[in-house]
Structures are given as C-alpha cells and as structure tokens.
C-alpha cells in the first residue's frame, strides 16, 4: 500500500494497514500529518483482504442482529456499514479517503 499527501508519496508499506494502523505508523515514525489529508492507496488484493477483515469484525455482527430482529432499522445499520467498508477499501488502485 502507499500513503500519499498532496499527491506526494510519503510511504510505501509492505502490507495493507487500516486507517488506525496508519495512524500508529505515523506516530511511530514521527510524521505529523493529519489523517484527513492523506490518501491511502491499496492494490485490489489488499483492499479485498481489508474488506474481508472489516466485514468479519464490523458488518457480520450487524447482519446477524438484523437476521434475529428482522427490523428495518437493523437492516439499514448493516447495509450502511457495508457501504462504509466498501468506500474505505475500494477495489483497484484508487485513493481511499481517510476516514475514521
């Protein structure tokens, strides 16, 4: 993955990191740039791996709640989380807007 600031490459990281992990990387390397100013660029395989992890940790529990409750509110929460995950980890070499 690559981390860019104002279209300038500031880091190439050998493995795909979440935004929270990138934050830790910046602190550990004394890079003082706000996360909101960064573009995170993932390969398709990196984005797929991060999506899979996020689905398992974040959206799957919401899906199970929806299946149990069968309410529109629970369905919306689950679908919104899936949309959020897809936006954070786009497939292909696209910039991912830094969001928490």
Protein backbone atom coordinates (compact mmCIF):
# COMPACT_ATOMS: atom_id res chain seq x y z
CA UNK A 1 0.00 0.00 0.00
CA UNK A 2 1.01 3.58 -0.50
CA UNK A 3 0.35 6.66 1.59
CA UNK A 4 0.24 10.00 -0.21
CA UNK A 5 -0.05 13.58 0.99
CA UNK A 6 -0.98 16.22 -1.60
CA UNK A 7 -0.26 13.65 -4.34
CA UNK A 8 3.28 13.14 -2.97
CA UNK A 9 4.25 9.63 -1.90
CA UNK A 10 5.30 9.70 1.75
CA UNK A 11 5.35 5.98 2.49
CA UNK A 12 5.20 2.60 0.83
CA UNK A 13 4.18 -0.02 3.34
CA UNK A 14 4.69 -3.71 2.63
CA UNK A 15 1.31 -4.75 3.98
CA UNK A 16 -2.15 -3.23 3.90
CA UNK A 17 -3.00 -1.25 7.03
CA UNK A 18 -6.27 0.11 8.33
CA UNK A 19 -6.59 3.84 8.99
CA UNK A 20 -5.96 3.24 12.70
CA UNK A 21 -2.81 1.26 11.89
CA UNK A 22 -1.64 4.05 9.56
CA UNK A 23 -2.16 6.48 12.43
CA UNK A 24 0.12 4.36 14.61
CA UNK A 25 2.68 4.17 11.78
CA UNK A 26 2.73 7.97 11.51
CA UNK A 27 3.22 8.39 15.25
CA UNK A 28 5.96 5.73 15.38
CA UNK A 29 7.81 7.45 12.52
CA UNK A 30 7.23 11.00 13.85
CA UNK A 31 5.28 12.04 10.75
CA UNK A 32 2.98 14.87 11.77
CA UNK A 33 0.35 14.98 9.04
CA UNK A 34 -3.38 14.86 9.83
CA UNK A 35 -5.03 11.63 8.69
CA UNK A 36 -7.69 13.66 6.88
CA UNK A 37 -5.00 14.96 4.49
CA UNK A 38 -3.77 11.51 3.47
CA UNK A 39 -4.72 9.31 0.54
CA UNK A 40 -4.38 5.58 1.19
CA UNK A 41 -3.83 3.58 -1.97
CA UNK A 42 -4.43 -0.17 -1.92
CA UNK A 43 -3.99 -2.83 -4.55
CA UNK A 44 -7.10 -4.88 -5.32
CA UNK A 45 -5.83 -7.81 -3.26
CA UNK A 46 -5.03 -5.55 -0.29
CA UNK A 47 -8.47 -3.94 -0.46
CA UNK A 48 -10.13 -7.36 -0.65
CA UNK A 49 -8.21 -8.57 2.42
CA UNK A 50 -9.07 -5.44 4.40
CA UNK A 51 -12.72 -5.68 3.35
CA UNK A 52 -12.86 -9.31 4.42
CA UNK A 53 -11.44 -8.44 7.83
CA UNK A 54 -13.77 -5.46 8.27
CA UNK A 55 -16.82 -7.46 7.20
CA UNK A 56 -15.99 -10.15 9.74
CA UNK A 57 -15.39 -7.69 12.59
CA UNK A 58 -17.87 -4.92 11.79
CA UNK A 59 -20.68 -5.87 9.41
CA UNK A 60 -21.23 -9.57 10.11
CA UNK A 61 -22.39 -8.93 13.71
CA UNK A 62 -24.85 -6.33 12.39
CA UNK A 63 -26.11 -8.80 9.79
CA UNK A 64 -26.73 -11.41 12.50
CA UNK A 65 -28.61 -8.83 14.61
CA UNK A 66 -30.76 -7.98 11.60
CA UNK A 67 -31.50 -11.65 10.93
CA UNK A 68 -32.54 -12.08 14.54
CA UNK A 69 -34.59 -8.88 14.90
CA UNK A 70 -35.91 -8.58 11.31
CA UNK A 71 -36.34 -4.80 11.67
CA UNK A 72 -35.76 -2.16 9.00
CA UNK A 73 -33.51 -0.25 11.41
CA UNK A 74 -31.16 -3.23 11.88
CA UNK A 75 -31.12 -3.89 8.13
CA UNK A 76 -30.19 -0.25 7.48
CA UNK A 77 -27.38 -0.36 10.06
CA UNK A 78 -25.92 -3.45 8.39
CA UNK A 79 -26.25 -2.08 4.83
CA UNK A 80 -24.75 1.29 5.86
CA UNK A 81 -21.75 -0.49 7.39
CA UNK A 82 -21.18 -2.49 4.18
CA UNK A 83 -21.27 0.75 2.15
CA UNK A 84 -18.80 2.36 4.58
CA UNK A 85 -16.39 -0.59 4.31
CA UNK A 86 -16.54 -0.55 0.51
CA UNK A 87 -15.80 3.19 0.50
CA UNK A 88 -12.83 2.79 2.85
CA UNK A 89 -11.29 -0.03 0.82
CA UNK A 90 -12.10 0.49 -2.87
CA UNK A 91 -11.07 -2.24 -5.27
CA UNK A 92 -8.26 -1.39 -7.69
CA UNK A 93 -5.61 1.28 -7.42
CA UNK A 94 -7.88 4.06 -6.23
CA UNK A 95 -7.28 6.57 -3.50
CA UNK A 96 -9.16 5.83 -0.32
CA UNK A 97 -10.34 8.90 1.50
CA UNK A 98 -9.04 8.87 5.03
CA UNK A 99 -11.97 8.38 7.36
CA UNK A 100 -12.46 7.00 10.82
